[in-house]
PDB file of all heavy atoms in Angstrom:
ATOM      1  N   TRP A   1     -19.971   8.045  16.380  1.00  0.00           N
ATOM      2  CA  TRP A   1     -20.558   7.037  17.270  1.00  0.00           C
ATOM      3  C   TRP A   1     -21.579   6.195  16.504  1.00  0.00           C
ATOM      4  O   TRP A   1     -21.547   4.959  16.561  1.00  0.00           O
ATOM      5  CB  TRP A   1     -21.215   7.731  18.465  1.00  0.00           C
ATOM      6  CG  TRP A   1     -21.787   6.800  19.493  1.00  0.00           C
ATOM      7  CD1 TRP A   1     -22.814   5.909  19.331  1.00  0.00           C
ATOM      8  CD2 TRP A   1     -21.357   6.657  20.857  1.00  0.00           C
ATOM      9  NE1 TRP A   1     -23.052   5.227  20.504  1.00  0.00           N
ATOM     10  CE2 TRP A   1     -22.183   5.660  21.453  1.00  0.00           C
ATOM     11  CE3 TRP A   1     -20.378   7.274  21.622  1.00  0.00           C
ATOM     12  CZ2 TRP A   1     -22.048   5.291  22.787  1.00  0.00           C
ATOM     13  CZ3 TRP A   1     -20.246   6.893  22.963  1.00  0.00           C
ATOM     14  CH2 TRP A   1     -21.058   5.911  23.533  1.00  0.00           C
ATOM     15  N   ASP A   2     -22.484   6.866  15.782  1.00  0.00           N
ATOM     16  CA  ASP A   2     -23.527   6.138  15.045  1.00  0.00           C
ATOM     17  C   ASP A   2     -22.923   5.233  13.967  1.00  0.00           C
ATOM     18  O   ASP A   2     -23.421   4.128  13.721  1.00  0.00           O
ATOM     19  CB  ASP A   2     -24.496   7.129  14.406  1.00  0.00           C
ATOM     20  CG  ASP A   2     -25.357   7.857  15.438  1.00  0.00           C
ATOM     21  OD1 ASP A   2     -25.414   7.401  16.590  1.00  0.00           O
ATOM     22  OD2 ASP A   2     -25.941   8.902  15.089  1.00  0.00           O
ATOM     23  N   ALA A   3     -21.845   5.692  13.316  1.00  0.00           N
ATOM     24  CA  ALA A   3     -21.196   4.873  12.290  1.00  0.00           C
ATOM     25  C   ALA A   3     -20.608   3.605  12.898  1.00  0.00           C
ATOM     26  O   ALA A   3     -20.721   2.511  12.335  1.00  0.00           O
ATOM     27  CB  ALA A   3     -20.104   5.671  11.584  1.00  0.00           C
ATOM     28  N   GLY A   4     -19.967   3.731  14.061  1.00  0.00           N
ATOM     29  CA  GLY A   4     -19.420   2.555  14.739  1.00  0.00           C
ATOM     30  C   GLY A   4     -20.503   1.587  15.154  1.00  0.00           C
ATOM     31  O   GLY A   4     -20.362   0.360  15.005  1.00  0.00           O
ATOM     32  N   LEU A   5     -21.600   2.127  15.687  1.00  0.00           N
ATOM     33  CA  LEU A   5     -22.718   1.281  16.106  1.00  0.00           C
ATOM     34  C   LEU A   5     -23.301   0.538  14.912  1.00  0.00           C
ATOM     35  O   LEU A   5     -23.577  -0.673  14.980  1.00  0.00           O
ATOM     36  CB  LEU A   5     -23.777   2.165  16.774  1.00  0.00           C
ATOM     37  CG  LEU A   5     -24.977   1.463  17.422  1.00  0.00           C
ATOM     38  CD1 LEU A   5     -24.532   0.527  18.537  1.00  0.00           C
ATOM     39  CD2 LEU A   5     -25.962   2.505  17.959  1.00  0.00           C
ATOM     40  N   ARG A   6     -23.474   1.245  13.803  1.00  0.00           N
ATOM     41  CA  ARG A   6     -24.032   0.616  12.595  1.00  0.00           C
ATOM     42  C   ARG A   6     -23.098  -0.462  12.052  1.00  0.00           C
ATOM     43  O   ARG A   6     -23.536  -1.572  11.714  1.00  0.00           O
ATOM     44  CB  ARG A   6     -24.272   1.685  11.535  1.00  0.00           C
ATOM     45  CG  ARG A   6     -24.868   1.133  10.237  1.00  0.00           C
ATOM     46  CD  ARG A   6     -24.990   2.211   9.179  1.00  0.00           C
ATOM     47  NE  ARG A   6     -23.671   2.758   8.798  1.00  0.00           N
ATOM     48  CZ  ARG A   6     -23.276   3.991   9.102  1.00  0.00           C
ATOM     49  NH1 ARG A   6     -24.052   4.808   9.789  1.00  0.00           N
ATOM     50  NH2 ARG A   6     -22.076   4.413   8.724  1.00  0.00           N
ATOM     51  N   ASP A   7     -21.797  -0.164  11.978  1.00  0.00           N
ATOM     52  CA  ASP A   7     -20.851  -1.120  11.398  1.00  0.00           C
ATOM     53  C   ASP A   7     -20.746  -2.390  12.229  1.00  0.00           C
ATOM     54  O   ASP A   7     -20.674  -3.497  11.675  1.00  0.00           O
ATOM     55  CB  ASP A   7     -19.471  -0.467  11.257  1.00  0.00           C
ATOM     56  CG  ASP A   7     -19.393   0.481  10.070  1.00  0.00           C
ATOM     57  OD1 ASP A   7     -20.354   0.542   9.290  1.00  0.00           O
ATOM     58  OD2 ASP A   7     -18.355   1.167   9.928  1.00  0.00           O
ATOM     59  N   ILE A   8     -20.730  -2.266  13.554  1.00  0.00           N
ATOM     60  CA  ILE A   8     -20.580  -3.476  14.373  1.00  0.00           C
ATOM     61  C   ILE A   8     -21.874  -4.295  14.351  1.00  0.00           C
ATOM     62  O   ILE A   8     -21.827  -5.534  14.343  1.00  0.00           O
ATOM     63  CB  ILE A   8     -20.149  -3.140  15.819  1.00  0.00           C
ATOM     64  CG1 ILE A   8     -19.768  -4.417  16.572  1.00  0.00           C
ATOM     65  CG2 ILE A   8     -21.234  -2.395  16.564  1.00  0.00           C
ATOM     66  CD1 ILE A   8     -18.626  -5.193  15.960  1.00  0.00           C
ATOM     67  N   ARG A   9     -23.020  -3.640  14.292  1.00  0.00           N
ATOM     68  CA  ARG A   9     -24.271  -4.399  14.182  1.00  0.00           C
ATOM     69  C   ARG A   9     -24.311  -5.178  12.878  1.00  0.00           C
ATOM     70  O   ARG A   9     -24.687  -6.358  12.859  1.00  0.00           O
ATOM     71  CB  ARG A   9     -25.468  -3.445  14.269  1.00  0.00           C
ATOM     72  CG  ARG A   9     -25.777  -2.950  15.683  1.00  0.00           C
ATOM     73  CD  ARG A   9     -26.871  -1.892  15.654  1.00  0.00           C
ATOM     74  NE  ARG A   9     -27.287  -1.498  16.995  1.00  0.00           N
ATOM     75  CZ  ARG A   9     -28.072  -0.453  17.247  1.00  0.00           C
ATOM     76  NH1 ARG A   9     -28.529   0.294  16.244  1.00  0.00           N
ATOM     77  NH2 ARG A   9     -28.403  -0.145  18.496  1.00  0.00           N
ATOM     78  N   ASN A  10     -23.934  -4.520  11.778  1.00  0.00           N
ATOM     79  CA  ASN A  10     -23.913  -5.210  10.488  1.00  0.00           C
ATOM     80  C   ASN A  10     -22.923  -6.365  10.494  1.00  0.00           C
ATOM     81  O   ASN A  10     -23.178  -7.430   9.919  1.00  0.00           O
ATOM     82  CB  ASN A  10     -23.553  -4.222   9.375  1.00  0.00           C
ATOM     83  CG  ASN A  10     -24.650  -3.206   9.106  1.00  0.00           C
ATOM     84  OD1 ASN A  10     -25.811  -3.427   9.466  1.00  0.00           O
ATOM     85  ND2 ASN A  10     -24.294  -2.098   8.490  1.00  0.00           N
ATOM     86  N   THR A  11     -21.782  -6.159  11.140  1.00  0.00           N
ATOM     87  CA  THR A  11     -20.758  -7.206  11.178  1.00  0.00           C
ATOM     88  C   THR A  11     -21.213  -8.397  12.006  1.00  0.00           C
ATOM     89  O   THR A  11     -21.089  -9.558  11.578  1.00  0.00           O
ATOM     90  CB  THR A  11     -19.448  -6.637  11.754  1.00  0.00           C
ATOM     91  OG1 THR A  11     -18.930  -5.638  10.869  1.00  0.00           O
ATOM     92  CG2 THR A  11     -18.396  -7.731  11.928  1.00  0.00           C
ATOM     93  N   LEU A  12     -21.754  -8.144  13.198  1.00  0.00           N
ATOM     94  CA  LEU A  12     -22.166  -9.240  14.081  1.00  0.00           C
ATOM     95  C   LEU A  12     -23.330 -10.029  13.508  1.00  0.00           C
ATOM     96  O   LEU A  12     -23.518 -11.196  13.859  1.00  0.00           O
ATOM     97  CB  LEU A  12     -22.525  -8.693  15.462  1.00  0.00           C
ATOM     98  CG  LEU A  12     -21.365  -8.113  16.271  1.00  0.00           C
ATOM     99  CD1 LEU A  12     -21.867  -7.551  17.602  1.00  0.00           C
ATOM    100  CD2 LEU A  12     -20.284  -9.165  16.526  1.00  0.00           C
ATOM    101  N   ASN A  13     -24.097  -9.398  12.619  1.00  0.00           N
ATOM    102  CA  ASN A  13     -25.229 -10.095  11.995  1.00  0.00           C
ATOM    103  C   ASN A  13     -24.907 -10.609  10.591  1.00  0.00           C
ATOM    104  O   ASN A  13     -25.780 -11.129   9.913  1.00  0.00           O
ATOM    105  CB  ASN A  13     -26.435  -9.154  11.912  1.00  0.00           C
ATOM    106  CG  ASN A  13     -27.016  -8.836  13.281  1.00  0.00           C
ATOM    107  OD1 ASN A  13     -27.112  -9.708  14.126  1.00  0.00           O
ATOM    108  ND2 ASN A  13     -27.385  -7.578  13.498  1.00  0.00           N
ATOM    109  N   HIS A  14     -23.657 -10.456  10.172  1.00  0.00           N
ATOM    110  CA  HIS A  14     -23.281 -10.855   8.813  1.00  0.00           C
ATOM    111  C   HIS A  14     -23.258 -12.383   8.699  1.00  0.00           C
ATOM    112  O   HIS A  14     -22.707 -13.073   9.560  1.00  0.00           O
ATOM    113  CB  HIS A  14     -21.897 -10.299   8.474  1.00  0.00           C
ATOM    114  CG  HIS A  14     -21.611 -10.263   7.005  1.00  0.00           C
ATOM    115  ND1 HIS A  14     -21.335 -11.400   6.268  1.00  0.00           N
ATOM    116  CD2 HIS A  14     -21.585  -9.237   6.127  1.00  0.00           C
ATOM    117  CE1 HIS A  14     -21.137 -11.069   5.012  1.00  0.00           C
ATOM    118  NE2 HIS A  14     -21.272  -9.766   4.896  1.00  0.00           N
ATOM    119  N   PRO A  15     -23.845 -12.931   7.654  1.00  0.00           N
ATOM    120  CA  PRO A  15     -23.901 -14.401   7.529  1.00  0.00           C
ATOM    121  C   PRO A  15     -22.531 -15.068   7.472  1.00  0.00           C
ATOM    122  O   PRO A  15     -22.375 -16.200   7.932  1.00  0.00           O
ATOM    123  CB  PRO A  15     -24.677 -14.618   6.222  1.00  0.00           C
ATOM    124  CG  PRO A  15     -24.616 -13.310   5.494  1.00  0.00           C
ATOM    125  CD  PRO A  15     -24.549 -12.260   6.548  1.00  0.00           C
ATOM    126  N   GLU A  16     -21.519 -14.368   6.945  1.00  0.00           N
ATOM    127  CA  GLU A  16     -20.191 -14.975   6.868  1.00  0.00           C
ATOM    128  C   GLU A  16     -19.521 -15.051   8.241  1.00  0.00           C
ATOM    129  O   GLU A  16     -18.639 -15.870   8.445  1.00  0.00           O
ATOM    130  CB  GLU A  16     -19.306 -14.196   5.898  1.00  0.00           C
ATOM    131  CG  GLU A  16     -19.718 -14.360   4.453  1.00  0.00           C
ATOM    132  CD  GLU A  16     -18.702 -13.766   3.499  1.00  0.00           C
ATOM    133  OE1 GLU A  16     -17.659 -14.409   3.274  1.00  0.00           O
ATOM    134  OE2 GLU A  16     -18.951 -12.672   2.975  1.00  0.00           O
ATOM    135  N   LEU A  17     -19.934 -14.222   9.174  1.00  0.00           N
ATOM    136  CA  LEU A  17     -19.413 -14.312  10.529  1.00  0.00           C
ATOM    137  C   LEU A  17     -20.198 -15.330  11.340  1.00  0.00           C
ATOM    138  O   LEU A  17     -19.651 -16.011  12.209  1.00  0.00           O
ATOM    139  CB  LEU A  17     -19.478 -12.945  11.214  1.00  0.00           C
ATOM    140  CG  LEU A  17     -18.829 -12.854  12.601  1.00  0.00           C
ATOM    141  CD1 LEU A  17     -17.314 -13.018  12.492  1.00  0.00           C
ATOM    142  CD2 LEU A  17     -19.162 -11.533  13.271  1.00  0.00           C
ATOM    143  N   LEU A  18     -21.483 -15.450  11.044  1.00  0.00           N
ATOM    144  CA  LEU A  18     -22.350 -16.319  11.828  1.00  0.00           C
ATOM    145  C   LEU A  18     -22.281 -17.782  11.407  1.00  0.00           C
ATOM    146  O   LEU A  18     -22.567 -18.676  12.202  1.00  0.00           O
ATOM    147  CB  LEU A  18     -23.803 -15.839  11.714  1.00  0.00           C
ATOM    148  CG  LEU A  18     -24.105 -14.466  12.322  1.00  0.00           C
ATOM    149  CD1 LEU A  18     -25.532 -14.051  11.990  1.00  0.00           C
ATOM    150  CD2 LEU A  18     -23.887 -14.481  13.819  1.00  0.00           C
ATOM    151  N   GLN A  19     -21.918 -18.033  10.143  1.00  0.00           N
ATOM    152  CA  GLN A  19     -21.966 -19.402   9.647  1.00  0.00           C
ATOM    153  C   GLN A  19     -20.957 -20.294  10.365  1.00  0.00           C
ATOM    154  O   GLN A  19     -19.921 -19.843  10.823  1.00  0.00           O
ATOM    155  CB  GLN A  19     -21.687 -19.434   8.146  1.00  0.00           C
ATOM    156  CG  GLN A  19     -20.229 -19.135   7.786  1.00  0.00           C
ATOM    157  CD  GLN A  19     -19.983 -19.275   6.303  1.00  0.00           C
ATOM    158  OE1 GLN A  19     -20.838 -19.751   5.577  1.00  0.00           O
ATOM    159  NE2 GLN A  19     -18.815 -18.861   5.856  1.00  0.00           N
ATOM    160  N   GLU A  20     -21.306 -21.558  10.460  1.00  0.00           N
ATOM    161  CA  GLU A  20     -20.357 -22.540  10.982  1.00  0.00           C
ATOM    162  C   GLU A  20     -19.450 -22.941   9.839  1.00  0.00           C
ATOM    163  O   GLU A  20     -19.861 -23.584   8.887  1.00  0.00           O
ATOM    164  CB  GLU A  20     -21.089 -23.763  11.542  1.00  0.00           C
ATOM    165  CG  GLU A  20     -21.699 -23.532  12.905  1.00  0.00           C
ATOM    166  CD  GLU A  20     -22.140 -24.827  13.549  1.00  0.00           C
ATOM    167  OE1 GLU A  20     -22.098 -25.875  12.886  1.00  0.00           O
ATOM    168  OE2 GLU A  20     -22.521 -24.806  14.730  1.00  0.00           O
ATOM    169  N   ALA A  21     -18.204 -22.559   9.923  1.00  0.00           N
ATOM    170  CA  ALA A  21     -17.244 -22.873   8.861  1.00  0.00           C
ATOM    171  C   ALA A  21     -16.169 -23.779   9.424  1.00  0.00           C
ATOM    172  O   ALA A  21     -15.966 -23.859  10.613  1.00  0.00           O
ATOM    173  CB  ALA A  21     -16.616 -21.583   8.329  1.00  0.00           C
ATOM    174  N   THR A  22     -15.468 -24.490   8.523  1.00  0.00           N
ATOM    175  CA  THR A  22     -14.373 -25.309   9.001  1.00  0.00           C
ATOM    176  C   THR A  22     -13.294 -24.424   9.586  1.00  0.00           C
ATOM    177  O   THR A  22     -13.060 -23.311   9.130  1.00  0.00           O
ATOM    178  CB  THR A  22     -13.772 -26.137   7.855  1.00  0.00           C
ATOM    179  OG1 THR A  22     -13.322 -25.257   6.836  1.00  0.00           O
ATOM    180  CG2 THR A  22     -14.784 -27.112   7.313  1.00  0.00           C
ATOM    181  N   GLN A  23     -12.652 -24.896  10.615  1.00  0.00           N
ATOM    182  CA  GLN A  23     -11.650 -24.101  11.305  1.00  0.00           C
ATOM    183  C   GLN A  23     -10.527 -25.008  11.796  1.00  0.00           C
ATOM    184  O   GLN A  23     -10.777 -25.985  12.493  1.00  0.00           O
ATOM    185  CB  GLN A  23     -12.275 -23.378  12.505  1.00  0.00           C
ATOM    186  CG  GLN A  23     -11.272 -22.636  13.370  1.00  0.00           C
ATOM    187  CD  GLN A  23     -10.685 -21.463  12.623  1.00  0.00           C
ATOM    188  OE1 GLN A  23     -11.401 -20.588  12.194  1.00  0.00           O
ATOM    189  NE2 GLN A  23      -9.379 -21.435  12.481  1.00  0.00           N
ATOM    190  N   VAL A  24      -9.334 -24.706  11.406  1.00  0.00           N
ATOM    191  CA  VAL A  24      -8.173 -25.393  11.938  1.00  0.00           C
ATOM    192  C   VAL A  24      -7.345 -24.371  12.675  1.00  0.00           C
ATOM    193  O   VAL A  24      -7.605 -23.173  12.628  1.00  0.00           O
ATOM    194  CB  VAL A  24      -7.341 -26.039  10.813  1.00  0.00           C
ATOM    195  CG1 VAL A  24      -8.130 -27.128  10.124  1.00  0.00           C
ATOM    196  CG2 VAL A  24      -6.874 -24.997   9.812  1.00  0.00           C
ATOM    197  N   ASN A  25      -6.326 -24.844  13.377  1.00  0.00           N
ATOM    198  CA  ASN A  25      -5.430 -23.919  14.047  1.00  0.00           C
ATOM    199  C   ASN A  25      -4.835 -22.961  13.022  1.00  0.00           C
ATOM    200  O   ASN A  25      -4.319 -23.370  11.996  1.00  0.00           O
ATOM    201  CB  ASN A  25      -4.315 -24.684  14.760  1.00  0.00           C
ATOM    202  CG  ASN A  25      -4.835 -25.420  15.979  1.00  0.00           C
ATOM    203  OD1 ASN A  25      -5.993 -25.277  16.355  1.00  0.00           O
ATOM    204  ND2 ASN A  25      -3.975 -26.196  16.604  1.00  0.00           N
ATOM    205  N   GLY A  26      -4.891 -21.691  13.309  1.00  0.00           N
ATOM    206  CA  GLY A  26      -4.426 -20.677  12.381  1.00  0.00           C
ATOM    207  C   GLY A  26      -5.192 -19.398  12.595  1.00  0.00           C
ATOM    208  O   GLY A  26      -5.947 -19.260  13.553  1.00  0.00           O
ATOM    209  N   VAL A  27      -5.024 -18.441  11.692  1.00  0.00           N
ATOM    210  CA  VAL A  27      -5.642 -17.123  11.822  1.00  0.00           C
ATOM    211  C   VAL A  27      -6.651 -16.917  10.703  1.00  0.00           C
ATOM    212  O   VAL A  27      -6.320 -17.062   9.524  1.00  0.00           O
ATOM    213  CB  VAL A  27      -4.579 -16.006  11.774  1.00  0.00           C
ATOM    214  CG1 VAL A  27      -5.242 -14.645  11.931  1.00  0.00           C
ATOM    215  CG2 VAL A  27      -3.525 -16.208  12.860  1.00  0.00           C
ATOM    216  N   THR A  28      -7.877 -16.574  11.071  1.00  0.00           N
ATOM    217  CA  THR A  28      -8.914 -16.217  10.119  1.00  0.00           C
ATOM    218  C   THR A  28      -9.241 -14.742  10.310  1.00  0.00           C
ATOM    219  O   THR A  28      -9.455 -14.297  11.436  1.00  0.00           O
ATOM    220  CB  THR A  28     -10.189 -17.054  10.334  1.00  0.00           C
ATOM    221  OG1 THR A  28      -9.868 -18.435  10.211  1.00  0.00           O
ATOM    222  CG2 THR A  28     -11.259 -16.685   9.319  1.00  0.00           C
ATOM    223  N   THR A  29      -9.259 -13.967   9.221  1.00  0.00           N
ATOM    224  CA  THR A  29      -9.591 -12.551   9.313  1.00  0.00           C
ATOM    225  C   THR A  29     -10.918 -12.278   8.613  1.00  0.00           C
ATOM    226  O   THR A  29     -11.184 -12.811   7.535  1.00  0.00           O
ATOM    227  CB  THR A  29      -8.487 -11.670   8.687  1.00  0.00           C
ATOM    228  OG1 THR A  29      -8.307 -12.030   7.319  1.00  0.00           O
ATOM    229  CG2 THR A  29      -7.173 -11.851   9.432  1.00  0.00           C
ATOM    230  N   PHE A  30     -11.743 -11.459   9.252  1.00  0.00           N
ATOM    231  CA  PHE A  30     -13.039 -11.048   8.714  1.00  0.00           C
ATOM    232  C   PHE A  30     -12.994  -9.548   8.459  1.00  0.00           C
ATOM    233  O   PHE A  30     -12.696  -8.765   9.362  1.00  0.00           O
ATOM    234  CB  PHE A  30     -14.165 -11.359   9.709  1.00  0.00           C
ATOM    235  CG  PHE A  30     -14.364 -12.828   9.974  1.00  0.00           C
ATOM    236  CD1 PHE A  30     -13.622 -13.475  10.951  1.00  0.00           C
ATOM    237  CD2 PHE A  30     -15.293 -13.560   9.247  1.00  0.00           C
ATOM    238  CE1 PHE A  30     -13.797 -14.826  11.207  1.00  0.00           C
ATOM    239  CE2 PHE A  30     -15.471 -14.914   9.498  1.00  0.00           C
ATOM    240  CZ  PHE A  30     -14.719 -15.546  10.477  1.00  0.00           C
ATOM    241  N   ASP A  31     -13.301  -9.152   7.237  1.00  0.00           N
ATOM    242  CA  ASP A  31     -13.312  -7.745   6.848  1.00  0.00           C
ATOM    243  C   ASP A  31     -14.627  -7.520   6.118  1.00  0.00           C
ATOM    244  O   ASP A  31     -14.679  -7.546   4.894  1.00  0.00           O
ATOM    245  CB  ASP A  31     -12.110  -7.453   5.944  1.00  0.00           C
ATOM    246  CG  ASP A  31     -11.753  -5.986   5.912  1.00  0.00           C
ATOM    247  OD1 ASP A  31     -12.582  -5.169   6.335  1.00  0.00           O
ATOM    248  OD2 ASP A  31     -10.649  -5.657   5.457  1.00  0.00           O
TER     249      ASP A  31
END
């Protein structure tokens, strides 16, 4: 449980997820 909580917090606060990036129709994957 704690590992999941830690990983999702780190992901939601990650600058690459938060940044405004160009986006066209298609699939973008974040890992």
